[in-house]
Amino acid sequence: MKLKSNGALALKNNFQNFLFVLPAFAIFCIFYIYPFYKMINLSFYDWRGIGPMHFIGLSNYQELMHDHLWWNSIWHAGYITLIALTFQNALAFFLAMACDREIRLKRFYRVVFFIPPVLSEVVVGLIWNWILNPETQNGQYIGLLNHLLYASGFPQMVHDWLADPATALSTIAIVNSWKGFGWGFIIMLAGLQTIDKQLYEAAKIDGAGTWKTFTNVTVPMMLPVILVVMILTILGCMQVFVLILAMVNEGLVNYTDVPVTRIFSAMQNTNQFGYACAEAVIFGMILVCISFITKKLSDKVKHA
């Protein structure tokens, strides 16, 4: 009888614990699991968003494999990510090192460097769209950048930065790096503050210079943090969308397309919801593969 009562009590406790988890589990299933299942299911249909759905099997995926605009958008996202991994993270790392030292106004710098990430992407896009504006009014350039270039004696450098295919993607990549470097800055600054200062003192006693201390103490101790920042940078930049939407006024164009804008265009302009779902499935698989590879590399580095 005692065993039965203990079993009933354990079952009651487990049921009560499940009731606490049930609301979160239900929300997760409704807003994550079901839409994910529905997206995969719709990718096998020809559907205009309203009206009947026609099952077409793998036709959407077959068409996607030969869609050069889609694969160009993958390359564009990769280019933006590459700029972020190099320029953005390098800037974040060296600014974090500067603010980790005893310098004047370092708390002020920490606040200033974290302002861009907390701004809305729509606001950032519209502000930079005004800064890069190539139009003139009463003989003066409206855009701040072109105005400064012209006033400084460099009229040959005045440019329509977002309309030229040669500069549009690089301009967006730089703006995206400016918008996102603050996250890496805060994370790397926190990582630098966890390094034991006695390691630097020991290196100084051993006669290590600034460069030797940096390469033999700072970098090895910061590797796990740097890898986390790299993973977050890759996943964030590959999914850039709102910033491009806010900066490109004349509608989405091929030379600034990224995967999410291609998915958006398929749904908005052509009403190919099934095709858009197929794009989303392929893009999700690419992100999962990237996450898996970076996780494996991170584990190898940690155990090296």
Protein backbone atom coordinates (compact mmCIF):
# COMPACT_ATOMS: atom_id res chain seq x y z
CA MET A 1 0.00 0.00 0.00
CA LYS A 2 2.90 2.31 0.82
CA LEU A 3 4.49 1.70 -2.60
CA LYS A 4 1.19 2.45 -4.32
CA SER A 5 0.75 5.69 -2.37
CA ASN A 6 4.32 6.74 -3.22
CA GLY A 7 3.68 5.96 -6.89
CA ALA A 8 0.42 7.92 -6.88
CA LEU A 9 2.15 10.86 -5.17
CA ALA A 10 4.97 10.82 -7.73
CA LEU A 11 2.43 10.69 -10.57
CA LYS A 12 0.52 13.60 -9.04
CA ASN A 13 3.73 15.66 -8.70
CA ASN A 14 4.71 14.92 -12.29
CA PHE A 15 1.25 15.95 -13.50
CA GLN A 16 1.43 19.19 -11.53
CA ASN A 17 4.87 19.93 -12.96
CA PHE A 18 3.55 19.27 -16.47
CA LEU A 19 0.70 21.73 -15.89
CA PHE A 20 3.25 24.45 -15.16
CA VAL A 21 5.07 23.70 -18.42
CA LEU A 22 1.90 23.21 -20.49
CA PRO A 23 1.22 26.92 -21.36
CA ALA A 24 4.76 27.45 -22.67
CA PHE A 25 4.67 24.10 -24.50
CA ALA A 26 1.32 24.97 -26.10
CA ILE A 27 2.58 28.39 -27.25
CA PHE A 28 5.73 26.77 -28.68
CA CYS A 29 3.68 24.21 -30.61
CA ILE A 30 1.15 26.75 -31.93
CA PHE A 31 3.57 29.48 -32.96
CA TYR A 32 6.69 27.47 -33.85
CA ILE A 33 6.09 23.75 -34.50
CA TYR A 34 2.83 24.09 -36.46
CA PRO A 35 4.02 26.98 -38.70
CA PHE A 36 7.23 25.05 -39.39
CA TYR A 37 5.24 21.96 -40.38
CA LYS A 38 2.84 24.09 -42.47
CA MET A 39 5.73 25.78 -44.27
CA ILE A 40 7.25 22.45 -45.28
CA ASN A 41 3.84 21.18 -46.35
CA LEU A 42 3.08 24.28 -48.46
CA SER A 43 6.43 23.99 -50.25
CA PHE A 44 5.00 20.99 -52.16
CA TYR A 45 2.01 22.99 -53.47
CA ASP A 46 1.31 25.66 -56.03
CA TRP A 47 -0.70 28.21 -54.05
CA ARG A 48 -1.40 31.90 -54.67
CA GLY A 49 -2.21 32.66 -51.04
CA ILE A 50 -5.94 32.39 -51.63
CA GLY A 51 -8.02 29.84 -53.47
CA PRO A 52 -7.31 26.15 -54.17
CA MET A 53 -3.92 24.54 -53.63
CA HIS A 54 -2.45 22.21 -56.27
CA PHE A 55 0.01 19.52 -55.23
CA ILE A 56 3.12 19.68 -57.44
CA GLY A 57 5.59 17.60 -55.45
CA LEU A 58 9.21 18.73 -55.75
CA SER A 59 8.60 21.14 -58.64
CA ASN A 60 9.21 24.21 -56.46
CA TYR A 61 12.55 22.80 -55.33
CA GLN A 62 13.53 21.87 -58.88
CA GLU A 63 12.75 25.38 -60.06
CA LEU A 64 14.64 26.83 -57.12
CA MET A 65 17.79 24.90 -58.01
CA HIS A 66 17.94 26.78 -61.35
CA ASP A 67 16.91 30.20 -59.98
CA HIS A 68 20.08 32.29 -60.38
CA LEU A 69 18.47 35.26 -58.58
CA TRP A 70 18.00 33.08 -55.48
CA TRP A 71 21.60 31.86 -55.46
CA ASN A 72 22.82 35.41 -56.10
CA SER A 73 20.89 36.48 -53.01
CA ILE A 74 22.71 33.78 -51.01
CA TRP A 75 26.01 35.21 -52.26
CA HIS A 76 24.90 38.74 -51.32
CA ALA A 77 24.05 37.62 -47.78
CA GLY A 78 27.40 35.82 -47.60
CA TYR A 79 29.21 38.99 -48.68
CA ILE A 80 27.43 41.07 -46.02
CA THR A 81 28.30 38.39 -43.45
CA LEU A 82 31.96 38.35 -44.53
CA ILE A 83 32.22 42.14 -44.07
CA ALA A 84 30.63 41.79 -40.63
CA LEU A 85 32.95 38.94 -39.60
CA THR A 86 36.03 40.96 -40.54
CA PHE A 87 35.39 44.70 -40.28
CA GLN A 88 32.55 44.67 -37.71
CA ASN A 89 34.02 42.13 -35.29
CA ALA A 90 37.56 43.49 -35.59
CA LEU A 91 36.24 46.98 -34.78
CA ALA A 92 34.22 45.60 -31.85
CA PHE A 93 37.24 43.69 -30.49
CA PHE A 94 39.70 46.58 -30.57
CA LEU A 95 37.18 49.05 -29.16
CA ALA A 96 36.44 46.56 -26.37
CA MET A 97 40.17 46.32 -25.63
CA ALA A 98 40.42 50.12 -25.54
CA CYS A 99 37.48 50.47 -23.14
CA ASP A 100 38.80 47.65 -20.93
CA ARG A 101 41.79 49.81 -20.04
CA GLU A 102 41.84 52.72 -17.65
CA ILE A 103 41.02 55.56 -20.03
CA ARG A 104 39.04 58.73 -19.52
CA LEU A 105 35.29 58.62 -20.25
CA LYS A 106 35.34 54.86 -20.80
CA ARG A 107 31.81 54.52 -19.37
CA PHE A 108 30.63 57.19 -21.78
CA TYR A 109 32.18 55.28 -24.70
CA ARG A 110 30.47 52.07 -23.60
CA VAL A 111 27.09 53.78 -23.75
CA VAL A 112 27.79 55.48 -27.09
CA PHE A 113 29.02 52.29 -28.77
CA PHE A 114 25.89 50.43 -27.68
CA ILE A 115 23.46 53.02 -29.09
CA PRO A 116 23.39 51.71 -32.73
CA PRO A 117 22.30 48.13 -31.85
CA VAL A 118 19.35 49.28 -29.74
CA LEU A 119 18.03 51.59 -32.47
CA SER A 120 15.24 50.29 -34.69
CA GLU A 121 16.47 48.91 -38.01
CA VAL A 122 13.80 50.97 -39.78
CA VAL A 123 15.08 54.15 -38.13
CA VAL A 124 18.71 53.29 -38.95
CA GLY A 125 17.79 52.50 -42.56
CA LEU A 126 15.89 55.77 -43.03
CA ILE A 127 18.66 57.83 -41.41
CA TRP A 128 21.34 56.30 -43.61
CA ASN A 129 19.08 56.65 -46.62
CA TRP A 130 19.03 60.40 -45.92
CA ILE A 131 22.80 60.50 -45.33
CA LEU A 132 23.43 58.77 -48.68
CA ASN A 133 20.77 60.73 -50.61
CA PRO A 134 22.27 61.84 -54.00
CA GLU A 135 19.58 64.41 -54.85
CA THR A 136 20.11 68.16 -54.87
CA GLN A 137 17.91 71.05 -53.74
CA ASN A 138 18.69 74.69 -54.56
CA GLY A 139 22.10 73.62 -55.79
CA GLN A 140 22.94 71.82 -52.55
CA TYR A 141 23.15 68.08 -51.99
CA ILE A 142 20.45 66.80 -49.63
CA GLY A 143 22.48 63.81 -48.47
CA LEU A 144 25.02 64.56 -45.73
CA LEU A 145 27.77 62.36 -47.20
CA ASN A 146 27.63 63.81 -50.70
CA HIS A 147 27.35 67.33 -49.26
CA LEU A 148 30.52 66.82 -47.21
CA LEU A 149 32.38 65.30 -50.15
CA TYR A 150 31.42 68.20 -52.40
CA ALA A 151 32.16 70.85 -49.78
CA SER A 152 35.54 69.26 -48.98
CA GLY A 153 36.70 69.54 -52.57
CA PHE A 154 36.02 65.99 -53.74
CA PRO A 155 33.13 66.46 -56.21
CA GLN A 156 34.36 63.48 -58.24
CA MET A 157 33.51 61.22 -55.29
CA VAL A 158 29.86 62.32 -55.11
CA HIS A 159 27.85 59.22 -55.88
CA ASP A 160 24.44 57.57 -55.83
CA TRP A 161 25.61 54.94 -53.39
CA LEU A 162 22.48 52.78 -53.26
CA ALA A 163 21.54 52.91 -56.95
CA ASP A 164 24.91 51.80 -58.35
CA PRO A 165 25.29 48.00 -58.44
CA ALA A 166 29.02 48.43 -57.84
CA THR A 167 28.58 50.18 -54.48
CA ALA A 168 25.06 49.33 -53.23
CA LEU A 169 25.85 45.99 -51.58
CA SER A 170 29.09 47.22 -49.97
CA THR A 171 27.27 50.29 -48.66
CA ILE A 172 24.56 48.13 -47.09
CA ALA A 173 27.23 45.82 -45.64
CA ILE A 174 29.03 48.77 -43.99
CA VAL A 175 25.79 50.21 -42.59
CA ASN A 176 24.86 46.76 -41.28
CA SER A 177 28.28 46.50 -39.60
CA TRP A 178 27.82 49.95 -38.04
CA LYS A 179 24.40 48.89 -36.78
CA GLY A 180 25.59 45.60 -35.28
CA PHE A 181 29.11 46.11 -33.94
CA GLY A 182 27.81 47.20 -30.53
CA TRP A 183 26.57 43.71 -29.66
CA GLY A 184 30.00 42.22 -30.30
CA PHE A 185 31.58 45.10 -28.41
CA ILE A 186 29.55 44.43 -25.26
CA ILE A 187 30.08 40.65 -25.38
CA MET A 188 33.83 40.96 -26.01
CA LEU A 189 34.20 43.61 -23.31
CA ALA A 190 32.53 41.25 -20.84
CA GLY A 191 34.89 38.49 -21.99
CA LEU A 192 37.97 40.69 -21.53
CA GLN A 193 36.91 41.55 -17.98
CA THR A 194 36.85 37.84 -17.05
CA ILE A 195 40.56 37.38 -17.91
CA ASP A 196 42.62 37.13 -14.74
CA LYS A 197 44.88 40.20 -14.51
CA GLN A 198 47.58 38.04 -12.92
CA LEU A 199 48.14 36.46 -16.34
CA TYR A 200 49.14 39.85 -17.72
CA GLU A 201 51.39 40.49 -14.73
CA ALA A 202 53.07 37.10 -15.20
CA ALA A 203 53.61 37.81 -18.90
CA LYS A 204 55.13 41.19 -18.04
CA ILE A 205 57.49 39.59 -15.51
CA ASP A 206 58.57 37.06 -18.16
CA GLY A 207 59.52 39.93 -20.44
CA ALA A 208 56.66 39.62 -22.92
CA GLY A 209 55.93 42.75 -24.91
CA THR A 210 52.55 44.12 -25.95
CA TRP A 211 52.26 41.92 -29.05
CA LYS A 212 53.41 38.74 -27.27
CA THR A 213 50.95 39.38 -24.44
CA PHE A 214 48.16 39.95 -26.95
CA THR A 215 48.85 36.77 -28.96
CA ASN A 216 49.70 34.46 -26.03
CA VAL A 217 47.29 35.68 -23.34
CA THR A 218 44.44 37.79 -24.70
CA VAL A 219 43.62 35.89 -27.89
CA PRO A 220 43.68 32.34 -26.39
CA MET A 221 41.55 33.42 -23.44
CA MET A 222 39.10 35.23 -25.71
CA LEU A 223 38.70 32.47 -28.32
CA PRO A 224 35.46 31.00 -26.86
CA VAL A 225 33.91 34.48 -26.71
CA ILE A 226 35.09 35.33 -30.25
CA LEU A 227 33.55 32.11 -31.57
CA VAL A 228 30.20 32.90 -29.92
CA VAL A 229 30.24 36.39 -31.46
CA MET A 230 31.11 34.89 -34.87
CA ILE A 231 28.19 32.45 -34.72
CA LEU A 232 25.75 35.19 -33.71
CA THR A 233 27.13 37.43 -36.45
CA ILE A 234 26.70 34.78 -39.15
CA LEU A 235 23.14 33.90 -38.15
CA GLY A 236 22.14 37.56 -37.78
CA CYS A 237 23.68 38.86 -41.01
CA MET A 238 22.44 35.99 -43.15
CA GLN A 239 18.90 36.98 -42.13
CA VAL A 240 19.25 40.74 -42.69
CA PHE A 241 15.99 42.12 -44.08
CA VAL A 242 14.45 45.20 -42.45
CA LEU A 243 17.58 47.32 -42.94
CA ILE A 244 17.62 46.63 -46.69
CA LEU A 245 13.88 47.20 -46.94
CA ALA A 246 14.26 50.60 -45.26
CA MET A 247 17.32 51.69 -47.29
CA VAL A 248 16.25 50.65 -50.80
CA ASN A 249 13.38 52.97 -51.69
CA GLU A 250 12.67 52.01 -55.27
CA GLY A 251 11.53 48.51 -54.41
CA LEU A 252 13.77 45.52 -53.97
CA VAL A 253 16.34 45.21 -56.76
CA ASN A 254 18.42 42.23 -57.80
CA TYR A 255 21.81 43.60 -56.79
CA THR A 256 20.69 44.18 -53.17
CA ASP A 257 18.58 41.04 -52.79
CA VAL A 258 19.23 38.66 -49.89
CA PRO A 259 17.38 35.39 -49.16
CA VAL A 260 14.72 36.93 -46.92
CA THR A 261 13.94 39.67 -49.45
CA ARG A 262 13.63 37.02 -52.19
CA ILE A 263 11.14 35.13 -50.02
CA PHE A 264 9.27 38.38 -49.35
CA SER A 265 9.20 39.22 -53.07
CA ALA A 266 7.86 35.77 -53.99
CA MET A 267 4.99 36.24 -51.56
CA GLN A 268 4.24 39.91 -52.27
CA ASN A 269 4.89 40.42 -55.98
CA THR A 270 4.13 37.03 -57.57
CA ASN A 271 1.87 35.43 -54.94
CA GLN A 272 3.94 32.25 -55.14
CA PHE A 273 3.46 31.17 -51.54
CA GLY A 274 4.49 27.57 -52.23
CA TYR A 275 7.69 28.72 -53.94
CA ALA A 276 8.42 31.15 -51.08
CA CYS A 277 8.03 28.28 -48.59
CA ALA A 278 10.47 26.17 -50.62
CA GLU A 279 12.97 29.06 -50.49
CA ALA A 280 12.46 29.31 -46.73
CA VAL A 281 13.06 25.55 -46.27
CA ILE A 282 16.29 25.65 -48.29
CA PHE A 283 17.46 28.78 -46.48
CA GLY A 284 16.69 27.18 -43.11
CA MET A 285 18.73 24.11 -44.09
CA ILE A 286 21.66 26.36 -45.07
CA LEU A 287 21.52 28.12 -41.69
CA VAL A 288 21.35 24.79 -39.84
CA CYS A 289 24.40 23.53 -41.76
CA ILE A 290 26.32 26.74 -41.01
CA SER A 291 25.39 26.49 -37.31
CA PHE A 292 26.47 22.84 -37.22
CA ILE A 293 29.82 23.57 -38.88
CA THR A 294 30.59 26.54 -36.63
CA LYS A 295 29.61 24.48 -33.55
CA LYS A 296 31.99 21.70 -34.59
CA LEU A 297 34.80 24.20 -35.20
CA SER A 298 34.05 25.82 -31.83
CA ASP A 299 34.28 22.45 -30.05
CA LYS A 300 37.59 21.63 -31.76
CA VAL A 301 39.07 24.99 -30.78
CA LYS A 302 37.93 24.63 -27.16
CA HIS A 303 39.52 21.17 -26.87
CA ALA A 304 42.70 22.11 -28.74
